[in-house]
Amino acid sequence: METTITQDIWQEVSQLLNLPKQSDLAAMHLQEIESEAENVLELLTVLRTDSYRADAGDAQETAAELTIALEHLQHHIQQLLPVLQKQLDLEP
């Protein structure tokens, strides 16, 4: 669960970037991307440890969790990326 400070920071980032009307939504996506990215990095570390231990069962379970985390990360990126590209005048 994210703290109020983290929520406020992403809201400020959204406002600073002048994200149109969707600043609350953009802030939520930024917050979720940060959280899921941390989760993905942690799961990669666990998967590496599972592999080092040659523990196929744990590795398979961790890989399943990693897949879900990557799906969540992808969802938030797909929602936010077009908004950022448009606001920053970047070609997709």
Protein backbone atom coordinates (compact mmCIF):
# COMPACT_ATOMS: atom_id res chain seq x y z
CA MET A 1 0.00 0.00 0.00
CA GLU A 2 1.35 3.37 -0.99
CA THR A 3 1.72 6.22 1.42
CA THR A 4 -0.02 9.57 1.13
CA ILE A 5 3.36 11.20 0.52
CA THR A 6 3.97 8.94 -2.50
CA GLN A 7 0.50 9.69 -3.84
CA ASP A 8 1.06 13.43 -3.42
CA ILE A 9 4.43 13.28 -5.18
CA TRP A 10 2.99 11.57 -8.25
CA GLN A 11 0.12 14.07 -8.28
CA GLU A 12 2.69 16.88 -8.25
CA VAL A 13 4.62 15.22 -11.08
CA SER A 14 1.43 14.98 -13.14
CA GLN A 15 0.67 18.64 -12.54
CA LEU A 16 4.26 19.69 -13.26
CA LEU A 17 4.08 17.90 -16.62
CA ASN A 18 0.75 19.62 -17.30
CA LEU A 19 -0.99 16.36 -17.98
CA PRO A 20 -4.48 17.31 -19.16
CA LYS A 21 -7.56 16.61 -17.04
CA GLN A 22 -6.21 13.14 -16.42
CA SER A 23 -3.64 14.19 -13.84
CA ASP A 24 -5.29 12.11 -11.12
CA LEU A 25 -5.38 9.09 -13.40
CA ALA A 26 -1.83 9.71 -14.62
CA ALA A 27 -0.63 10.01 -11.02
CA MET A 28 -2.27 6.69 -10.19
CA HIS A 29 -0.60 5.02 -13.17
CA LEU A 30 2.80 6.48 -12.23
CA GLN A 31 2.37 5.22 -8.68
CA GLU A 32 1.36 1.75 -9.90
CA ILE A 33 4.26 1.61 -12.35
CA GLU A 34 6.69 2.43 -9.56
CA SER A 35 5.17 -0.20 -7.28
CA GLU A 36 5.01 -2.92 -9.93
CA ALA A 37 8.54 -2.17 -11.15
CA GLU A 38 9.83 -2.69 -7.61
CA ASN A 39 7.84 -5.93 -7.40
CA VAL A 40 9.26 -7.14 -10.73
CA LEU A 41 12.83 -6.46 -9.59
CA GLU A 42 12.23 -8.33 -6.34
CA LEU A 43 10.71 -11.30 -8.17
CA LEU A 44 13.65 -11.40 -10.59
CA THR A 45 15.99 -11.62 -7.61
CA VAL A 46 13.92 -14.43 -6.10
CA LEU A 47 13.84 -16.26 -9.45
CA ARG A 48 17.61 -16.00 -9.70
CA THR A 49 17.91 -17.45 -6.19
CA ASP A 50 15.47 -20.25 -7.05
CA SER A 51 17.57 -21.06 -10.10
CA TYR A 52 20.81 -20.99 -8.11
CA ARG A 53 19.29 -23.48 -5.68
CA ALA A 54 18.04 -25.56 -8.63
CA ASP A 55 14.58 -25.48 -7.07
CA ALA A 56 12.27 -26.05 -10.05
CA GLY A 57 9.07 -25.88 -7.98
CA ASP A 58 9.87 -22.52 -6.42
CA ALA A 59 11.21 -21.21 -9.73
CA GLN A 60 7.95 -22.10 -11.47
CA GLU A 61 5.90 -20.43 -8.72
CA THR A 62 8.08 -17.32 -8.82
CA ALA A 63 7.88 -17.22 -12.62
CA ALA A 64 4.08 -17.31 -12.38
CA GLU A 65 4.11 -14.40 -9.92
CA LEU A 66 6.55 -12.54 -12.17
CA THR A 67 4.25 -13.04 -15.15
CA ILE A 68 1.32 -11.53 -13.25
CA ALA A 69 3.44 -8.59 -12.08
CA LEU A 70 4.63 -7.97 -15.65
CA GLU A 71 1.04 -8.03 -16.89
CA HIS A 72 0.07 -5.41 -14.29
CA LEU A 73 3.08 -3.28 -15.20
CA GLN A 74 2.27 -3.57 -18.90
CA HIS A 75 -1.32 -2.47 -18.30
CA HIS A 76 -0.30 0.71 -16.49
CA ILE A 77 2.41 1.50 -19.03
CA GLN A 78 -0.05 1.07 -21.91
CA GLN A 79 -2.49 3.45 -20.21
CA LEU A 80 0.07 6.13 -19.39
CA LEU A 81 2.43 6.02 -22.35
CA PRO A 82 0.09 7.59 -24.97
CA VAL A 83 -0.74 10.45 -22.58
CA LEU A 84 2.94 11.15 -21.95
CA GLN A 85 3.84 10.87 -25.63
CA LYS A 86 1.13 13.34 -26.58
CA GLN A 87 1.97 15.80 -23.80
CA LEU A 88 5.70 15.65 -24.49
CA ASP A 89 5.21 15.69 -28.28
CA LEU A 90 7.08 12.42 -28.75
CA GLU A 91 6.46 10.03 -31.62
CA PRO A 92 5.18 6.60 -30.57
